[in-house]
Amino acid sequence: MLELHLARQMLNQNGYSDPQQKIELIEKAQYLYQRARLKGRIGSVWGKVSGRSQALLDLKTVLTRQPLAGQYSGGTQVVPVEAIRGSVDRPNDFDQNFNPLQPHTEQRWINLAVAWLTGVTLPPVKLIQVGELYFVEDGHHRVSVARALGQRYVDAEVMVWTVRPERRGSLVPCLCRAIC
């Protein structure tokens, strides 16, 4: 209930004073969440049936195959949402398409969707780039909401990590097998 109260406060601060309009925005955000959560559940079942993982890539797993060689700041960039394929520390909360998988994601997700729908400028997500792929350090819910709303790009603060080549092949084939 507190989260709903915060969402209502956000709506008041952004000029949404009509109660019916507020309710419609919150209901739209709830609908978007339920739809994304359902897609995540269906994807999980499909992954089990087909034998193809729907999981987010885990940066720790990538680094066990290819150790970190160096890092530098890539600055603030506009990043294609489709290129964001993994997580630094939350690979079980979202699937590879950033559909929410866990019920504890709901309130934050809905609040961010309401903010997005009311035109609130959200801070850039924090990403780590390894090769052509990006891993979320901070902003999992923002990426998920962006995908659910059909956004093609997000603003991001990017750290670029370089890795040593894998002894038995390169990072690209290794990661392609995990996501294709």
C-alpha atoms as a PDB file:
ATOM      1  CA  MET A   1       0.000   0.000   0.000  1.00  0.00           C
ATOM      2  CA  LEU A   2       2.892   2.360   0.727  1.00  0.00           C
ATOM      3  CA  GLU A   3       4.137   1.903  -2.852  1.00  0.00           C
ATOM      4  CA  LEU A   4       0.703   2.850  -4.200  1.00  0.00           C
ATOM      5  CA  HIS A   5       0.761   5.957  -2.009  1.00  0.00           C
ATOM      6  CA  LEU A   6       4.194   6.882  -3.406  1.00  0.00           C
ATOM      7  CA  ALA A   7       2.936   6.389  -6.953  1.00  0.00           C
ATOM      8  CA  ARG A   8       0.011   8.706  -6.216  1.00  0.00           C
ATOM      9  CA  GLN A   9       2.398  11.323  -4.781  1.00  0.00           C
ATOM     10  CA  MET A  10       4.480  11.088  -7.946  1.00  0.00           C
ATOM     11  CA  LEU A  11       1.387  11.662 -10.037  1.00  0.00           C
ATOM     12  CA  ASN A  12       0.424  14.726  -7.965  1.00  0.00           C
ATOM     13  CA  GLN A  13       3.890  16.225  -8.356  1.00  0.00           C
ATOM     14  CA  ASN A  14       3.717  15.840 -12.129  1.00  0.00           C
ATOM     15  CA  GLY A  15       0.413  17.642 -12.643  1.00  0.00           C
ATOM     16  CA  TYR A  16      -1.915  14.664 -12.618  1.00  0.00           C
ATOM     17  CA  SER A  17      -4.632  15.943 -10.300  1.00  0.00           C
ATOM     18  CA  ASP A  18      -7.637  14.153 -11.806  1.00  0.00           C
ATOM     19  CA  PRO A  19      -8.204  11.028  -9.647  1.00  0.00           C
ATOM     20  CA  GLN A  20      -9.551   9.046 -12.603  1.00  0.00           C
ATOM     21  CA  GLN A  21      -6.462   9.842 -14.669  1.00  0.00           C
ATOM     22  CA  LYS A  22      -4.223   8.706 -11.792  1.00  0.00           C
ATOM     23  CA  ILE A  23      -6.117   5.450 -11.435  1.00  0.00           C
ATOM     24  CA  GLU A  24      -5.880   4.802 -15.178  1.00  0.00           C
ATOM     25  CA  LEU A  25      -2.100   5.324 -15.177  1.00  0.00           C
ATOM     26  CA  ILE A  26      -1.610   3.013 -12.198  1.00  0.00           C
ATOM     27  CA  GLU A  27      -3.872   0.395 -13.778  1.00  0.00           C
ATOM     28  CA  LYS A  28      -1.920   0.646 -17.036  1.00  0.00           C
ATOM     29  CA  ALA A  29       1.345   0.141 -15.161  1.00  0.00           C
ATOM     30  CA  GLN A  30      -0.139  -2.851 -13.316  1.00  0.00           C
ATOM     31  CA  TYR A  31      -1.351  -4.321 -16.616  1.00  0.00           C
ATOM     32  CA  LEU A  32       2.089  -3.884 -18.184  1.00  0.00           C
ATOM     33  CA  TYR A  33       3.689  -5.622 -15.208  1.00  0.00           C
ATOM     34  CA  GLN A  34       1.255  -8.540 -15.292  1.00  0.00           C
ATOM     35  CA  ARG A  35       1.799  -8.962 -19.030  1.00  0.00           C
ATOM     36  CA  ALA A  36       5.599  -8.884 -18.659  1.00  0.00           C
ATOM     37  CA  ARG A  37       5.453 -11.307 -15.706  1.00  0.00           C
ATOM     38  CA  LEU A  38       3.267 -13.697 -17.732  1.00  0.00           C
ATOM     39  CA  LYS A  39       5.744 -13.543 -20.633  1.00  0.00           C
ATOM     40  CA  GLY A  40       8.482 -14.400 -18.153  1.00  0.00           C
ATOM     41  CA  ARG A  41       6.567 -17.405 -16.827  1.00  0.00           C
ATOM     42  CA  ILE A  42       5.754 -18.656 -20.320  1.00  0.00           C
ATOM     43  CA  GLY A  43       9.387 -18.194 -21.329  1.00  0.00           C
ATOM     44  CA  SER A  44      10.547 -20.207 -18.314  1.00  0.00           C
ATOM     45  CA  VAL A  45       8.244 -23.082 -19.219  1.00  0.00           C
ATOM     46  CA  TRP A  46       9.287 -22.899 -22.864  1.00  0.00           C
ATOM     47  CA  GLY A  47      12.940 -22.896 -21.830  1.00  0.00           C
ATOM     48  CA  LYS A  48      12.452 -26.081 -19.807  1.00  0.00           C
ATOM     49  CA  VAL A  49      10.516 -27.798 -22.602  1.00  0.00           C
ATOM     50  CA  SER A  50      12.891 -26.764 -25.379  1.00  0.00           C
ATOM     51  CA  GLY A  51      16.094 -27.121 -23.383  1.00  0.00           C
ATOM     52  CA  ARG A  52      17.081 -23.556 -24.261  1.00  0.00           C
ATOM     53  CA  SER A  53      17.798 -21.341 -21.309  1.00  0.00           C
ATOM     54  CA  GLN A  54      15.804 -18.125 -21.022  1.00  0.00           C
ATOM     55  CA  ALA A  55      18.023 -16.872 -18.193  1.00  0.00           C
ATOM     56  CA  LEU A  56      19.918 -13.616 -18.138  1.00  0.00           C
ATOM     57  CA  LEU A  57      23.625 -14.048 -18.634  1.00  0.00           C
ATOM     58  CA  ASP A  58      25.513 -13.859 -15.354  1.00  0.00           C
ATOM     59  CA  LEU A  59      28.621 -11.674 -15.515  1.00  0.00           C
ATOM     60  CA  LYS A  60      30.356 -13.866 -12.909  1.00  0.00           C
ATOM     61  CA  THR A  61      29.946 -16.894 -15.167  1.00  0.00           C
ATOM     62  CA  VAL A  62      31.397 -15.013 -18.130  1.00  0.00           C
ATOM     63  CA  LEU A  63      34.382 -13.934 -16.044  1.00  0.00           C
ATOM     64  CA  THR A  64      35.106 -17.512 -14.945  1.00  0.00           C
ATOM     65  CA  ARG A  65      35.573 -18.396 -18.623  1.00  0.00           C
ATOM     66  CA  GLN A  66      37.424 -15.233 -19.549  1.00  0.00           C
ATOM     67  CA  PRO A  67      39.203 -13.368 -16.756  1.00  0.00           C
ATOM     68  CA  LEU A  68      39.046  -9.588 -16.552  1.00  0.00           C
ATOM     69  CA  ALA A  69      42.002  -7.928 -18.282  1.00  0.00           C
ATOM     70  CA  GLY A  70      41.126  -4.264 -17.726  1.00  0.00           C
ATOM     71  CA  GLN A  71      38.392  -1.685 -17.464  1.00  0.00           C
ATOM     72  CA  TYR A  72      37.709   1.922 -18.353  1.00  0.00           C
ATOM     73  CA  SER A  73      34.783   4.320 -18.372  1.00  0.00           C
ATOM     74  CA  GLY A  74      32.787   4.438 -21.577  1.00  0.00           C
ATOM     75  CA  GLY A  75      30.896   7.499 -20.318  1.00  0.00           C
ATOM     76  CA  THR A  76      27.212   8.138 -20.781  1.00  0.00           C
ATOM     77  CA  GLN A  77      25.833   6.462 -23.889  1.00  0.00           C
ATOM     78  CA  VAL A  78      22.559   5.641 -25.590  1.00  0.00           C
ATOM     79  CA  VAL A  79      22.468   1.842 -25.603  1.00  0.00           C
ATOM     80  CA  PRO A  80      20.143  -0.426 -27.604  1.00  0.00           C
ATOM     81  CA  VAL A  81      17.922  -2.301 -25.152  1.00  0.00           C
ATOM     82  CA  GLU A  82      18.378  -5.484 -27.209  1.00  0.00           C
ATOM     83  CA  ALA A  83      22.129  -5.412 -26.470  1.00  0.00           C
ATOM     84  CA  ILE A  84      21.525  -5.604 -22.708  1.00  0.00           C
ATOM     85  CA  ARG A  85      21.707  -9.358 -22.142  1.00  0.00           C
ATOM     86  CA  GLY A  86      22.909  -9.949 -18.600  1.00  0.00           C
ATOM     87  CA  SER A  87      23.206  -8.929 -14.987  1.00  0.00           C
ATOM     88  CA  VAL A  88      26.020  -8.305 -12.571  1.00  0.00           C
ATOM     89  CA  ASP A  89      24.181  -9.671  -9.528  1.00  0.00           C
ATOM     90  CA  ARG A  90      20.485 -10.389 -10.258  1.00  0.00           C
ATOM     91  CA  PRO A  91      20.273 -13.006 -13.022  1.00  0.00           C
ATOM     92  CA  ASN A  92      17.330 -14.795 -11.359  1.00  0.00           C
ATOM     93  CA  ASP A  93      14.981 -11.799 -11.041  1.00  0.00           C
ATOM     94  CA  PHE A  94      14.478 -11.285 -14.792  1.00  0.00           C
ATOM     95  CA  ASP A  95      14.663 -13.472 -17.900  1.00  0.00           C
ATOM     96  CA  GLN A  96      16.814 -12.817 -20.966  1.00  0.00           C
ATOM     97  CA  ASN A  97      14.162 -10.383 -22.248  1.00  0.00           C
ATOM     98  CA  PHE A  98      14.037  -8.618 -18.876  1.00  0.00           C
ATOM     99  CA  ASN A  99      10.572  -9.926 -18.073  1.00  0.00           C
ATOM    100  CA  PRO A 100      10.193 -10.046 -14.284  1.00  0.00           C
ATOM    101  CA  LEU A 101      10.302 -13.531 -12.768  1.00  0.00           C
ATOM    102  CA  GLN A 102      10.038 -12.841  -9.039  1.00  0.00           C
ATOM    103  CA  PRO A 103       7.024 -11.363  -7.207  1.00  0.00           C
ATOM    104  CA  HIS A 104       9.221  -9.016  -5.155  1.00  0.00           C
ATOM    105  CA  THR A 105       9.899  -7.006  -8.339  1.00  0.00           C
ATOM    106  CA  GLU A 106       6.260  -5.876  -8.672  1.00  0.00           C
ATOM    107  CA  GLN A 107       5.960  -2.675  -6.630  1.00  0.00           C
ATOM    108  CA  ARG A 108       9.216  -1.107  -7.786  1.00  0.00           C
ATOM    109  CA  TRP A 109       8.431  -2.099 -11.380  1.00  0.00           C
ATOM    110  CA  ILE A 110       4.963  -0.524 -11.245  1.00  0.00           C
ATOM    111  CA  ASN A 111       6.289   2.671  -9.635  1.00  0.00           C
ATOM    112  CA  LEU A 112       8.902   3.030 -12.360  1.00  0.00           C
ATOM    113  CA  ALA A 113       6.292   2.362 -15.055  1.00  0.00           C
ATOM    114  CA  VAL A 114       4.042   5.074 -13.572  1.00  0.00           C
ATOM    115  CA  ALA A 115       7.003   7.464 -13.504  1.00  0.00           C
ATOM    116  CA  TRP A 116       7.833   6.644 -17.130  1.00  0.00           C
ATOM    117  CA  LEU A 117       4.200   7.028 -18.220  1.00  0.00           C
ATOM    118  CA  THR A 118       3.961  10.439 -16.525  1.00  0.00           C
ATOM    119  CA  GLY A 119       7.104  11.706 -18.250  1.00  0.00           C
ATOM    120  CA  VAL A 120       9.479  11.624 -15.283  1.00  0.00           C
ATOM    121  CA  THR A 121      13.086  11.607 -16.450  1.00  0.00           C
ATOM    122  CA  LEU A 122      14.710   8.566 -14.897  1.00  0.00           C
ATOM    123  CA  PRO A 123      18.439   8.398 -14.165  1.00  0.00           C
ATOM    124  CA  PRO A 124      20.633   6.468 -16.573  1.00  0.00           C
ATOM    125  CA  VAL A 125      21.087   2.770 -15.882  1.00  0.00           C
ATOM    126  CA  LYS A 126      24.584   1.553 -15.007  1.00  0.00           C
ATOM    127  CA  LEU A 127      25.946  -1.040 -17.397  1.00  0.00           C
ATOM    128  CA  ILE A 128      29.123  -3.030 -17.840  1.00  0.00           C
ATOM    129  CA  GLN A 129      30.061  -3.709 -21.445  1.00  0.00           C
ATOM    130  CA  VAL A 130      31.917  -6.905 -22.294  1.00  0.00           C
ATOM    131  CA  GLY A 131      32.487  -7.211 -26.025  1.00  0.00           C
ATOM    132  CA  GLU A 132      29.194  -6.391 -27.748  1.00  0.00           C
ATOM    133  CA  LEU A 133      27.044  -7.269 -24.724  1.00  0.00           C
ATOM    134  CA  TYR A 134      25.928  -5.226 -21.749  1.00  0.00           C
ATOM    135  CA  PHE A 135      25.313  -6.375 -18.175  1.00  0.00           C
ATOM    136  CA  VAL A 136      23.136  -4.394 -15.763  1.00  0.00           C
ATOM    137  CA  GLU A 137      24.845  -3.221 -12.597  1.00  0.00           C
ATOM    138  CA  ASP A 138      22.047  -0.858 -11.549  1.00  0.00           C
ATOM    139  CA  GLY A 139      18.703  -0.369 -13.281  1.00  0.00           C
ATOM    140  CA  HIS A 140      17.213  -3.838 -13.859  1.00  0.00           C
ATOM    141  CA  HIS A 141      13.666  -2.565 -13.311  1.00  0.00           C
ATOM    142  CA  ARG A 142      14.242   0.452 -15.590  1.00  0.00           C
ATOM    143  CA  VAL A 143      15.468  -1.838 -18.380  1.00  0.00           C
ATOM    144  CA  SER A 144      12.489  -4.144 -17.840  1.00  0.00           C
ATOM    145  CA  VAL A 145       9.995  -1.262 -17.960  1.00  0.00           C
ATOM    146  CA  ALA A 146      11.700   0.188 -21.038  1.00  0.00           C
ATOM    147  CA  ARG A 147      11.355  -3.148 -22.845  1.00  0.00           C
ATOM    148  CA  ALA A 148       7.721  -3.541 -21.774  1.00  0.00           C
ATOM    149  CA  LEU A 149       6.967  -0.077 -23.148  1.00  0.00           C
ATOM    150  CA  GLY A 150       8.705  -0.825 -26.444  1.00  0.00           C
ATOM    151  CA  GLN A 151      11.640   1.532 -25.931  1.00  0.00           C
ATOM    152  CA  ARG A 152      14.506   0.718 -28.263  1.00  0.00           C
ATOM    153  CA  TYR A 153      17.225   2.609 -26.383  1.00  0.00           C
ATOM    154  CA  VAL A 154      18.105   3.616 -22.828  1.00  0.00           C
ATOM    155  CA  ASP A 155      20.536   6.142 -21.449  1.00  0.00           C
ATOM    156  CA  ALA A 156      23.356   4.435 -19.598  1.00  0.00           C
ATOM    157  CA  GLU A 157      26.565   5.076 -17.744  1.00  0.00           C
ATOM    158  CA  VAL A 158      28.871   2.447 -19.198  1.00  0.00           C
ATOM    159  CA  MET A 159      31.997   0.794 -17.813  1.00  0.00           C
ATOM    160  CA  VAL A 160      33.857  -1.157 -20.486  1.00  0.00           C
ATOM    161  CA  TRP A 161      35.555  -4.325 -19.325  1.00  0.00           C
ATOM    162  CA  THR A 162      38.121  -6.076 -21.457  1.00  0.00           C
ATOM    163  CA  VAL A 163      38.678  -9.789 -20.949  1.00  0.00           C
ATOM    164  CA  ARG A 164      41.450 -12.196 -21.771  1.00  0.00           C
ATOM    165  CA  PRO A 165      40.564 -14.560 -24.607  1.00  0.00           C
ATOM    166  CA  GLU A 166      39.092 -17.891 -23.630  1.00  0.00           C
ATOM    167  CA  ARG A 167      41.525 -20.750 -24.050  1.00  0.00           C
ATOM    168  CA  ARG A 168      39.015 -22.825 -26.019  1.00  0.00           C
ATOM    169  CA  GLY A 169      37.521 -20.181 -28.296  1.00  0.00           C
ATOM    170  CA  SER A 170      36.386 -16.630 -27.970  1.00  0.00           C
ATOM    171  CA  LEU A 171      33.789 -14.874 -25.823  1.00  0.00           C
ATOM    172  CA  VAL A 172      31.408 -14.274 -28.712  1.00  0.00           C
ATOM    173  CA  PRO A 173      30.726 -17.941 -29.584  1.00  0.00           C
ATOM    174  CA  CYS A 174      30.551 -18.778 -25.873  1.00  0.00           C
ATOM    175  CA  LEU A 175      27.953 -16.097 -25.182  1.00  0.00           C
ATOM    176  CA  CYS A 176      26.048 -16.780 -28.405  1.00  0.00           C
ATOM    177  CA  ARG A 177      25.492 -20.378 -27.327  1.00  0.00           C
ATOM    178  CA  ALA A 178      24.108 -19.098 -24.026  1.00  0.00           C
ATOM    179  CA  ILE A 179      21.608 -16.666 -25.577  1.00  0.00           C
ATOM    180  CA  CYS A 180      20.727 -18.082 -28.990  1.00  0.00           C
END
